[in-house]
Amino acid sequence: MHSASSSNRSPPQSRSGSPWYSRFPCIDPADDYSQNWPPQMLRITDPEIWRLVVLPKTGRSPLDPSFVRQNERIEYLGHGILTALVSDFLYFEFIEYTESGLLAMREALLDSVVLSNVCQRIDLPQCLPTAPADRYSDEQPLALLFEAYIGGLYHNRGAEGYSSLRDWFYFLIKPYAMMCKNNYDQYIDSHRDSRNAQFASPSRRGGYSSSGYPGYGLADPYMIARPGTAAPDFGAYGTSHGAGRGAGDYIQELKEFCEKRRWAQPVYSDTDNQKNGDFIEWFSSVSIDGGFIAESPDWAKSKKMARATASKMALNKLRNL
């Protein structure tokens, strides 16, 4: 049938002590996360670097060409660091996704509309040394400003400061990434039976071109950024416990997947955290024909949801065999 390995892993520690959650301060419960979001701007202590970061893109006076070149260099550095930060976040947070999904979500999160909105959330445009009439409001300049800011932070702090920069950025980007994930899941679910040849065509930029996704939510970054709103609607964001689809969908889909191949039916092994009432959480693994296939990436609020996430990961693994 297929090669299967046995699992000797223990379920992750439940929430408060889990390394998975410790990377994202104050995200659980959701109310605490929304009250503490967005995080305060990190400070660039070197005045020369800061001056280059906030170099205005518009103004009444011509700018020194050397300053412009240095500003563009910091933007270049920031774009690279942002790409690394987003890749890092998606890789560790969304462990059930294949490369194509991660590439699509990364391209969406690096869109100028999203970066512009993030820039405004932390009030970075208010730091520009220009009159209000000179301040720009369209997406591209603000996205470049945010790139320059990230580049300036990295330049100021050096490689040894990357860890603290990463933790700050993870907390900042989390709600955007969750909406991005939900949009991606909804697109995949609604187009599961279509065989669009463009779906598997990576763009030259290392991502996936949104123009190749007719009706794909990520093609409209406004669905992620929501410019003009006071803050993202945290109630709309999913969690790693499985968002977007009904829990039973993945369980049923795995069952049908096995039936079509005349395999034995999936068998689940469930573990709870030994707590009571609303504090009970579940962790599940799934085996087929006695061989371990996959397990849920973290604790879930119900046994059904734990089985669903385990089923989803099993499907991803089996389809790539």
Protein backbone atom coordinates (compact mmCIF):
# COMPACT_ATOMS: atom_id res chain seq x y z
CA MET A 1 0.00 0.00 0.00
CA HIS A 2 2.47 2.60 1.14
CA SER A 3 5.41 2.95 3.45
CA ALA A 4 4.48 3.85 7.00
CA SER A 5 6.59 4.60 10.00
CA SER A 6 5.88 4.28 13.67
CA SER A 7 5.65 7.36 15.87
CA ASN A 8 7.33 7.55 19.23
CA ARG A 9 6.57 11.23 19.70
CA SER A 10 4.64 12.41 22.71
CA PRO A 11 1.81 14.91 22.29
CA PRO A 12 3.00 18.51 22.71
CA GLN A 13 2.56 20.17 26.08
CA SER A 14 -0.76 21.89 26.43
CA ARG A 15 -0.78 25.58 25.47
CA SER A 16 0.79 27.42 28.37
CA GLY A 17 3.98 25.35 28.29
CA SER A 18 4.11 24.61 24.58
CA PRO A 19 7.12 25.89 22.62
CA TRP A 20 4.72 26.29 19.70
CA TYR A 21 2.67 28.92 21.49
CA SER A 22 5.56 30.52 23.36
CA ARG A 23 6.77 31.96 20.06
CA PHE A 24 3.67 34.16 19.88
CA PRO A 25 3.25 36.24 23.07
CA CYS A 26 -0.27 37.03 24.25
CA ILE A 27 -2.14 35.29 21.42
CA ASP A 28 -4.19 33.03 23.63
CA PRO A 29 -6.85 33.78 24.63
CA ALA A 30 -7.90 35.86 21.63
CA ASP A 31 -9.12 38.74 23.80
CA ASP A 32 -5.66 39.25 25.26
CA TYR A 33 -4.19 39.13 21.76
CA SER A 34 -6.51 41.80 20.40
CA GLN A 35 -5.94 44.07 23.41
CA ASN A 36 -2.17 43.94 22.97
CA TRP A 37 -2.13 44.20 19.18
CA PRO A 38 -0.53 45.88 17.34
CA PRO A 39 2.81 45.87 19.14
CA GLN A 40 4.65 49.13 19.65
CA MET A 41 7.21 50.12 17.06
CA LEU A 42 10.74 48.93 17.68
CA ARG A 43 13.19 51.79 17.96
CA ILE A 44 16.07 52.45 15.59
CA THR A 45 18.71 53.99 17.84
CA ASP A 46 21.17 55.11 15.15
CA PRO A 47 19.96 58.58 14.00
CA GLU A 48 21.65 58.28 10.61
CA ILE A 49 19.93 54.97 9.84
CA TRP A 50 16.60 56.38 11.03
CA ARG A 51 17.01 59.45 8.79
CA LEU A 52 17.55 57.21 5.78
CA VAL A 53 14.52 55.06 6.67
CA VAL A 54 12.08 57.99 6.82
CA LEU A 55 13.50 59.74 3.78
CA PRO A 56 10.30 61.03 2.13
CA LYS A 57 9.28 59.74 -1.27
CA THR A 58 7.47 63.01 -2.02
CA GLY A 59 8.25 66.59 -1.09
CA ARG A 60 8.70 70.10 -2.36
CA SER A 61 12.51 70.08 -2.24
CA PRO A 62 14.84 67.88 -4.31
CA LEU A 63 16.63 65.18 -2.35
CA ASP A 64 20.34 64.47 -2.22
CA PRO A 65 20.95 61.62 -4.73
CA SER A 66 23.31 59.90 -2.30
CA PHE A 67 20.56 59.81 0.35
CA VAL A 68 18.15 58.35 -2.20
CA ARG A 69 20.63 55.60 -3.10
CA GLN A 70 21.19 54.72 0.55
CA ASN A 71 17.45 54.67 1.18
CA GLU A 72 16.98 52.28 -1.74
CA ARG A 73 19.72 50.04 -0.33
CA ILE A 74 17.93 49.87 3.02
CA GLU A 75 14.67 49.05 1.21
CA TYR A 76 16.51 46.24 -0.57
CA LEU A 77 17.80 44.88 2.73
CA GLY A 78 14.34 45.19 4.29
CA HIS A 79 12.70 43.29 1.44
CA GLY A 80 15.11 40.40 1.97
CA ILE A 81 14.61 40.38 5.75
CA LEU A 82 10.82 40.57 5.33
CA THR A 83 10.90 37.62 2.96
CA ALA A 84 12.89 35.65 5.52
CA LEU A 85 10.57 36.67 8.39
CA VAL A 86 7.40 35.73 6.50
CA SER A 87 8.95 32.46 5.31
CA ASP A 88 10.00 31.67 8.89
CA PHE A 89 6.51 32.37 10.23
CA LEU A 90 4.68 30.31 7.61
CA TYR A 91 7.12 27.40 7.87
CA PHE A 92 6.78 27.01 11.63
CA GLU A 93 3.14 28.05 12.07
CA PHE A 94 1.49 26.26 9.13
CA ILE A 95 3.27 22.93 9.27
CA GLU A 96 0.53 21.04 7.44
CA TYR A 97 0.99 22.97 4.16
CA THR A 98 3.06 21.95 1.16
CA GLU A 99 5.54 24.20 -0.62
CA SER A 100 2.97 25.46 -3.14
CA GLY A 101 0.64 26.65 -0.39
CA LEU A 102 3.44 28.33 1.55
CA LEU A 103 4.69 30.09 -1.58
CA ALA A 104 1.21 31.36 -2.44
CA MET A 105 0.62 32.69 1.07
CA ARG A 106 4.06 34.28 1.23
CA GLU A 107 3.49 36.18 -1.98
CA ALA A 108 0.15 37.43 -0.69
CA LEU A 109 1.59 38.60 2.64
CA LEU A 110 4.39 40.47 0.84
CA ASP A 111 1.92 42.33 -1.38
CA SER A 112 2.24 46.11 -1.19
CA VAL A 113 -1.37 46.50 -0.01
CA VAL A 114 -0.71 44.27 2.99
CA LEU A 115 2.64 45.86 3.84
CA SER A 116 1.09 49.32 3.52
CA ASN A 117 -1.65 48.35 5.94
CA VAL A 118 0.85 46.89 8.41
CA CYS A 119 2.87 50.10 8.13
CA GLN A 120 -0.19 52.15 9.07
CA ARG A 121 -1.11 49.85 11.97
CA ILE A 122 2.12 50.70 13.78
CA ASP A 123 1.76 54.43 12.92
CA LEU A 124 5.03 54.52 11.00
CA PRO A 125 3.78 57.18 8.51
CA GLN A 126 3.37 59.59 11.43
CA CYS A 127 7.17 59.60 11.79
CA LEU A 128 7.74 61.07 8.33
CA PRO A 129 9.42 64.49 8.47
CA THR A 130 6.98 66.06 6.00
CA ALA A 131 3.93 68.23 6.17
CA PRO A 132 0.57 66.40 6.25
CA ALA A 133 -0.15 67.46 2.67
CA ASP A 134 3.05 65.77 1.53
CA ARG A 135 2.36 62.46 3.24
CA TYR A 136 1.48 59.77 0.77
CA SER A 137 -1.44 57.43 1.24
CA ASP A 138 -1.22 55.01 -1.68
CA GLU A 139 0.07 51.51 -1.07
CA GLN A 140 3.42 51.32 -2.85
CA PRO A 141 5.29 54.15 -1.04
CA LEU A 142 4.04 52.99 2.36
CA ALA A 143 5.06 49.42 1.57
CA LEU A 144 8.54 50.68 0.65
CA LEU A 145 8.62 52.69 3.88
CA PHE A 146 7.88 49.54 5.87
CA GLU A 147 10.57 47.62 3.98
CA ALA A 148 13.06 50.40 4.75
CA TYR A 149 12.02 50.31 8.41
CA ILE A 150 12.63 46.55 8.66
CA GLY A 151 15.95 46.96 6.86
CA GLY A 152 16.89 49.77 9.23
CA LEU A 153 16.03 47.66 12.27
CA TYR A 154 18.21 44.82 11.03
CA HIS A 155 21.07 47.18 10.11
CA ASN A 156 20.86 48.88 13.51
CA ARG A 157 20.64 45.68 15.58
CA GLY A 158 22.80 43.37 13.51
CA ALA A 159 22.39 39.63 13.07
CA GLU A 160 22.38 39.09 16.84
CA GLY A 161 19.18 41.14 17.06
CA TYR A 162 17.29 39.00 14.54
CA SER A 163 15.66 36.83 17.21
CA SER A 164 13.94 39.75 18.96
CA LEU A 165 12.97 41.25 15.59
CA ARG A 166 11.44 37.91 14.59
CA ASP A 167 9.39 37.64 17.79
CA TRP A 168 8.05 41.18 17.34
CA PHE A 169 7.21 40.57 13.68
CA TYR A 170 5.50 37.24 14.39
CA PHE A 171 3.10 38.96 16.76
CA LEU A 172 2.49 41.79 14.27
CA ILE A 173 1.85 39.59 11.22
CA LYS A 174 -0.17 36.85 12.95
CA PRO A 175 -3.71 38.17 12.19
CA TYR A 176 -2.86 38.88 8.55
CA ALA A 177 -1.40 35.40 8.16
CA MET A 178 -4.48 33.76 9.67
CA MET A 179 -6.81 35.57 7.28
CA CYS A 180 -4.45 34.65 4.44
CA LYS A 181 -4.62 31.01 5.52
CA ASN A 182 -8.42 31.07 5.65
CA ASN A 183 -8.63 32.61 2.17
CA TYR A 184 -6.24 29.99 0.83
CA ASP A 185 -8.15 27.10 2.44
CA GLN A 186 -11.45 28.38 1.03
CA TYR A 187 -9.96 28.67 -2.43
CA ILE A 188 -8.50 25.16 -2.34
CA ASP A 189 -11.76 23.70 -1.04
CA SER A 190 -13.85 25.39 -3.73
CA HIS A 191 -11.47 24.42 -6.55
CA ARG A 192 -10.45 20.97 -5.36
CA ASP A 193 -11.94 19.23 -8.39
CA SER A 194 -10.74 21.73 -10.97
CA ARG A 195 -7.52 21.00 -12.78
CA ASN A 196 -6.19 24.46 -13.54
CA ALA A 197 -2.78 24.04 -15.14
CA GLN A 198 -1.72 27.44 -13.83
CA PHE A 199 -2.23 26.30 -10.26
CA ALA A 200 1.15 24.56 -10.17
CA SER A 201 3.16 27.17 -12.04
CA PRO A 202 5.62 29.07 -9.87
CA SER A 203 6.38 32.62 -10.90
CA ARG A 204 9.88 33.87 -11.61
CA ARG A 205 9.87 35.73 -8.30
CA GLY A 206 9.86 32.47 -6.37
CA GLY A 207 6.20 32.68 -5.49
CA TYR A 208 2.93 31.91 -7.22
CA SER A 209 1.37 34.46 -9.46
CA SER A 210 -2.01 35.59 -8.17
CA SER A 211 -3.07 36.24 -11.76
CA GLY A 212 -3.14 32.48 -12.22
CA TYR A 213 -5.85 32.03 -9.60
CA PRO A 214 -9.24 33.12 -10.99
CA GLY A 215 -11.46 34.06 -8.07
CA TYR A 216 -8.70 33.30 -5.57
CA GLY A 217 -9.10 35.40 -2.43
CA LEU A 218 -5.38 36.15 -2.21
CA ALA A 219 -5.51 37.84 -5.60
CA ASP A 220 -7.24 40.70 -3.78
CA PRO A 221 -4.91 41.65 -0.92
CA TYR A 222 -7.61 43.93 0.50
CA MET A 223 -9.23 40.74 1.80
CA ILE A 224 -6.19 40.38 4.05
CA ALA A 225 -5.22 43.95 4.81
CA ARG A 226 -8.62 45.56 5.34
CA PRO A 227 -7.33 49.14 5.07
CA GLY A 228 -9.41 51.74 6.86
CA THR A 229 -10.57 49.50 9.67
CA ALA A 230 -9.54 50.15 13.26
CA ALA A 231 -8.09 46.67 13.62
CA PRO A 232 -8.57 43.22 12.14
CA ASP A 233 -11.63 41.33 13.31
CA PHE A 234 -9.97 38.82 15.58
CA GLY A 235 -13.11 36.73 15.85
CA ALA A 236 -12.81 35.96 12.15
CA TYR A 237 -9.33 34.52 12.38
CA GLY A 238 -8.75 30.81 12.59
CA THR A 239 -6.18 29.10 14.77
CA SER A 240 -3.88 26.16 14.34
CA HIS A 241 -6.73 23.98 15.59
CA GLY A 242 -8.20 23.99 12.09
CA ALA A 243 -10.12 26.81 10.47
CA GLY A 244 -12.14 27.27 7.31
CA ARG A 245 -13.64 23.81 6.87
CA GLY A 246 -15.89 21.73 9.04
CA ALA A 247 -13.98 19.26 11.16
CA GLY A 248 -15.88 16.30 9.73
CA ASP A 249 -14.89 17.16 6.16
CA TYR A 250 -11.28 16.05 6.50
CA ILE A 251 -12.23 12.93 8.45
CA GLN A 252 -14.71 11.90 5.75
CA GLU A 253 -12.30 12.83 2.98
CA LEU A 254 -9.57 10.62 4.43
CA LYS A 255 -12.06 7.77 4.76
CA GLU A 256 -13.10 8.10 1.11
CA PHE A 257 -9.45 8.43 0.06
CA CYS A 258 -8.75 5.03 1.63
CA GLU A 259 -11.91 3.43 0.22
CA LYS A 260 -11.00 4.41 -3.35
CA ARG A 261 -7.67 2.64 -2.97
CA ARG A 262 -9.15 -0.37 -1.15
CA TRP A 263 -7.07 0.39 1.92
CA ALA A 264 -8.08 -0.34 5.48
CA GLN A 265 -10.06 2.40 7.19
CA PRO A 266 -8.15 5.01 9.25
CA VAL A 267 -7.78 4.27 12.96
CA TYR A 268 -7.43 7.17 15.40
CA SER A 269 -5.62 7.25 18.72
CA ASP A 270 -6.81 10.07 20.99
CA THR A 271 -5.19 11.60 24.06
CA ASP A 272 -6.59 14.31 26.32
CA ASN A 273 -4.74 16.68 28.63
CA GLN A 274 -6.29 15.24 31.80
CA LYS A 275 -8.28 18.40 32.51
CA ASN A 276 -12.02 18.94 32.93
CA GLY A 277 -14.83 21.00 31.50
CA ASP A 278 -13.90 23.77 29.08
CA PHE A 279 -10.20 23.13 29.74
CA ILE A 280 -10.16 19.70 28.09
CA GLU A 281 -8.03 19.57 24.95
CA TRP A 282 -7.32 16.70 22.59
CA PHE A 283 -4.44 15.36 20.54
CA SER A 284 -4.91 12.66 17.87
CA SER A 285 -2.83 10.46 15.60
CA VAL A 286 -4.07 8.40 12.68
CA SER A 287 -2.87 5.02 11.42
CA ILE A 288 -3.81 2.94 8.39
CA ASP A 289 -3.42 -0.82 8.33
CA GLY A 290 -1.37 -0.65 11.52
CA GLY A 291 1.10 1.93 10.23
CA PHE A 292 1.38 5.44 11.66
CA ILE A 293 0.56 8.13 9.10
CA ALA A 294 0.21 11.51 10.81
CA GLU A 295 -0.84 13.36 13.94
CA SER A 296 -2.46 16.65 14.86
CA PRO A 297 0.06 19.53 15.02
CA ASP A 298 -1.17 20.72 18.42
CA TRP A 299 -3.92 20.37 21.00
CA ALA A 300 -7.51 21.02 19.88
CA LYS A 301 -10.67 22.03 21.69
CA SER A 302 -12.50 18.83 20.75
CA LYS A 303 -11.68 15.23 19.84
CA LYS A 304 -13.33 15.74 16.46
CA MET A 305 -11.18 18.77 15.68
CA ALA A 306 -8.02 16.92 16.73
CA ARG A 307 -8.95 14.04 14.43
CA ALA A 308 -9.71 16.51 11.65
CA THR A 309 -6.28 18.14 11.81
CA ALA A 310 -4.62 14.72 11.96
CA SER A 311 -6.70 13.67 8.92
CA LYS A 312 -5.73 16.80 7.04
CA MET A 313 -2.04 16.18 7.62
CA ALA A 314 -2.47 12.53 6.65
CA LEU A 315 -4.11 13.55 3.37
CA ASN A 316 -1.28 15.96 2.59
CA LYS A 317 1.27 13.24 3.26
CA LEU A 318 -0.49 10.47 1.33
CA ARG A 319 -1.09 12.64 -1.73
CA ASN A 320 2.62 13.36 -1.92
CA LEU A 321 3.79 9.74 -1.68
